[in-house]
Amino acid sequence: MIIYESTKQQFMDDVTEDTIAVKIHNQYVQKIGRVAMGEINATTNNVEKLDNPIYTGIIRLMSN
């Protein structure tokens, strides 16, 4: 199941603007109907890794 889909630029913007976790949460609720706290924490932890400058640099290189 696809929960989040966007262009690379929109993905980078969502990470930079710190809105990606909310967008993923909203889509998950829309498709599944509920979300357990553990799932929210797991998503948040994974998204925080994307905010790391190394990951951001890799993503920028991939988008060129």
N, C-alpha and C. Protein backbone atom coordinates (compact mmCIF):
# COMPACT_ATOMS: atom_id res chain seq x y z
N MET A 1 0.83 -1.17 0.00
CA MET A 1 0.00 0.00 0.00
C MET A 1 0.89 1.24 0.00
N ILE A 2 0.56 2.17 -0.85
CA ILE A 2 1.31 3.43 -0.92
C ILE A 2 0.67 4.42 0.03
N ILE A 3 1.48 4.93 0.96
CA ILE A 3 1.00 5.90 1.94
C ILE A 3 1.46 7.30 1.57
N TYR A 4 2.63 7.42 1.00
CA TYR A 4 3.16 8.74 0.63
C TYR A 4 3.72 8.65 -0.78
N GLU A 5 3.33 9.61 -1.62
CA GLU A 5 3.83 9.65 -2.98
C GLU A 5 3.97 11.10 -3.39
N SER A 6 5.13 11.45 -3.94
CA SER A 6 5.35 12.82 -4.41
C SER A 6 6.56 12.84 -5.33
N THR A 7 6.85 14.01 -5.84
CA THR A 7 8.07 14.19 -6.62
C THR A 7 9.24 14.27 -5.64
N LYS A 8 10.45 14.17 -6.15
CA LYS A 8 11.62 14.31 -5.28
C LYS A 8 11.67 15.69 -4.65
N GLN A 9 11.32 16.71 -5.44
CA GLN A 9 11.35 18.08 -4.92
C GLN A 9 10.32 18.25 -3.80
N GLN A 10 9.12 17.72 -4.00
CA GLN A 10 8.10 17.85 -2.97
C GLN A 10 8.50 17.07 -1.71
N PHE A 11 9.13 15.91 -1.90
CA PHE A 11 9.62 15.13 -0.77
C PHE A 11 10.63 15.94 0.03
N MET A 12 11.58 16.56 -0.68
CA MET A 12 12.59 17.38 0.00
C MET A 12 11.94 18.55 0.73
N ASP A 13 10.95 19.18 0.09
CA ASP A 13 10.25 20.29 0.73
C ASP A 13 9.51 19.81 1.98
N ASP A 14 8.86 18.66 1.89
CA ASP A 14 8.13 18.12 3.04
C ASP A 14 9.07 17.79 4.20
N VAL A 15 10.25 17.28 3.89
CA VAL A 15 11.24 16.99 4.93
C VAL A 15 11.75 18.30 5.53
N THR A 16 12.10 19.24 4.67
CA THR A 16 12.64 20.53 5.13
C THR A 16 11.62 21.30 5.96
N GLU A 17 10.36 21.26 5.52
CA GLU A 17 9.30 21.99 6.22
C GLU A 17 8.74 21.23 7.41
N ASP A 18 9.26 20.02 7.63
CA ASP A 18 8.83 19.18 8.75
C ASP A 18 7.34 18.86 8.69
N THR A 19 6.85 18.61 7.48
CA THR A 19 5.43 18.27 7.31
C THR A 19 5.22 16.83 6.85
N ILE A 20 6.30 16.12 6.59
CA ILE A 20 6.15 14.78 6.02
C ILE A 20 5.48 13.80 6.98
N ALA A 21 5.82 13.86 8.25
CA ALA A 21 5.21 12.94 9.22
C ALA A 21 3.71 13.16 9.31
N VAL A 22 3.29 14.40 9.29
CA VAL A 22 1.85 14.71 9.34
C VAL A 22 1.16 14.20 8.09
N LYS A 23 1.78 14.41 6.94
CA LYS A 23 1.18 13.95 5.68
C LYS A 23 1.06 12.43 5.66
N ILE A 24 2.10 11.74 6.12
CA ILE A 24 2.05 10.28 6.17
C ILE A 24 0.97 9.83 7.14
N HIS A 25 0.91 10.46 8.30
CA HIS A 25 -0.11 10.11 9.30
C HIS A 25 -1.52 10.30 8.74
N ASN A 26 -1.77 11.43 8.10
CA ASN A 26 -3.10 11.71 7.56
C ASN A 26 -3.51 10.70 6.49
N GLN A 27 -2.57 10.34 5.62
CA GLN A 27 -2.88 9.35 4.58
C GLN A 27 -3.12 7.97 5.19
N TYR A 28 -2.35 7.64 6.20
CA TYR A 28 -2.51 6.35 6.87
C TYR A 28 -3.89 6.26 7.50
N VAL A 29 -4.29 7.31 8.20
CA VAL A 29 -5.62 7.33 8.83
C VAL A 29 -6.70 7.24 7.77
N GLN A 30 -6.52 7.96 6.68
CA GLN A 30 -7.52 7.95 5.61
C GLN A 30 -7.68 6.54 5.01
N LYS A 31 -6.56 5.83 4.83
CA LYS A 31 -6.62 4.52 4.18
C LYS A 31 -6.93 3.38 5.15
N ILE A 32 -6.44 3.47 6.38
CA ILE A 32 -6.60 2.39 7.35
C ILE A 32 -7.75 2.69 8.32
N GLY A 33 -7.90 3.95 8.68
CA GLY A 33 -8.97 4.33 9.59
C GLY A 33 -8.52 4.58 11.02
N ARG A 34 -7.35 4.13 11.35
CA ARG A 34 -6.82 4.34 12.70
C ARG A 34 -5.31 4.16 12.66
N VAL A 35 -4.65 4.68 13.69
CA VAL A 35 -3.20 4.55 13.78
C VAL A 35 -2.83 4.30 15.23
N ALA A 36 -2.02 3.28 15.47
CA ALA A 36 -1.52 3.00 16.82
C ALA A 36 -0.34 3.94 17.11
N MET A 37 -0.15 4.27 18.36
CA MET A 37 0.92 5.17 18.76
C MET A 37 2.29 4.63 18.33
N GLY A 38 2.49 3.33 18.40
CA GLY A 38 3.75 2.74 17.97
C GLY A 38 4.05 3.00 16.51
N GLU A 39 3.01 3.00 15.67
CA GLU A 39 3.20 3.28 14.26
C GLU A 39 3.58 4.74 14.04
N ILE A 40 2.98 5.64 14.81
CA ILE A 40 3.32 7.05 14.72
C ILE A 40 4.77 7.26 15.13
N ASN A 41 5.18 6.64 16.23
CA ASN A 41 6.56 6.78 16.71
C ASN A 41 7.56 6.22 15.70
N ALA A 42 7.25 5.08 15.10
CA ALA A 42 8.15 4.49 14.11
C ALA A 42 8.31 5.40 12.90
N THR A 43 7.21 5.95 12.42
CA THR A 43 7.27 6.87 11.28
C THR A 43 8.07 8.11 11.62
N THR A 44 7.81 8.67 12.79
CA THR A 44 8.53 9.87 13.21
C THR A 44 10.02 9.61 13.32
N ASN A 45 10.40 8.47 13.90
CA ASN A 45 11.82 8.12 14.02
C ASN A 45 12.48 7.97 12.66
N ASN A 46 11.79 7.34 11.72
CA ASN A 46 12.36 7.18 10.38
C ASN A 46 12.47 8.50 9.65
N VAL A 47 11.49 9.36 9.81
CA VAL A 47 11.51 10.66 9.14
C VAL A 47 12.62 11.54 9.72
N GLU A 48 12.87 11.43 11.02
CA GLU A 48 13.94 12.22 11.62
C GLU A 48 15.29 11.89 10.99
N LYS A 49 15.48 10.64 10.59
CA LYS A 49 16.73 10.26 9.92
C LYS A 49 16.88 11.00 8.60
N LEU A 50 15.77 11.26 7.93
CA LEU A 50 15.81 11.95 6.65
C LEU A 50 16.20 13.41 6.80
N ASP A 51 16.04 13.93 7.99
CA ASP A 51 16.39 15.32 8.24
C ASP A 51 17.90 15.48 8.45
N ASN A 52 18.59 14.38 8.57
CA ASN A 52 20.04 14.39 8.74
C ASN A 52 20.69 14.98 7.48
N PRO A 53 21.64 15.89 7.63
CA PRO A 53 22.26 16.52 6.46
C PRO A 53 22.86 15.52 5.46
N ILE A 54 23.36 14.40 5.93
CA ILE A 54 23.92 13.40 5.02
C ILE A 54 22.83 12.85 4.12
N TYR A 55 21.69 12.46 4.72
CA TYR A 55 20.58 11.93 3.92
C TYR A 55 20.04 13.00 2.98
N THR A 56 19.92 14.23 3.47
CA THR A 56 19.43 15.31 2.64
C THR A 56 20.35 15.54 1.45
N GLY A 57 21.66 15.48 1.68
CA GLY A 57 22.62 15.62 0.59
C GLY A 57 22.50 14.52 -0.43
N ILE A 58 22.32 13.30 0.03
CA ILE A 58 22.15 12.16 -0.88
C ILE A 58 20.90 12.33 -1.71
N ILE A 59 19.81 12.75 -1.08
CA ILE A 59 18.56 12.95 -1.80
C ILE A 59 18.71 14.05 -2.85
N ARG A 60 19.41 15.12 -2.49
CA ARG A 60 19.64 16.20 -3.45
C ARG A 60 20.46 15.71 -4.63
N LEU A 61 21.46 14.89 -4.38
CA LEU A 61 22.27 14.35 -5.47
C LEU A 61 21.42 13.46 -6.38
N MET A 62 20.53 12.69 -5.78
CA MET A 62 19.67 11.80 -6.58
C MET A 62 18.70 12.59 -7.44
N SER A 63 18.30 13.78 -7.00
CA SER A 63 17.31 14.54 -7.74
C SER A 63 17.91 15.31 -8.91
N ASN A 64 19.23 15.35 -8.99
CA ASN A 64 19.88 16.07 -10.11
C ASN A 64 20.05 15.23 -11.32
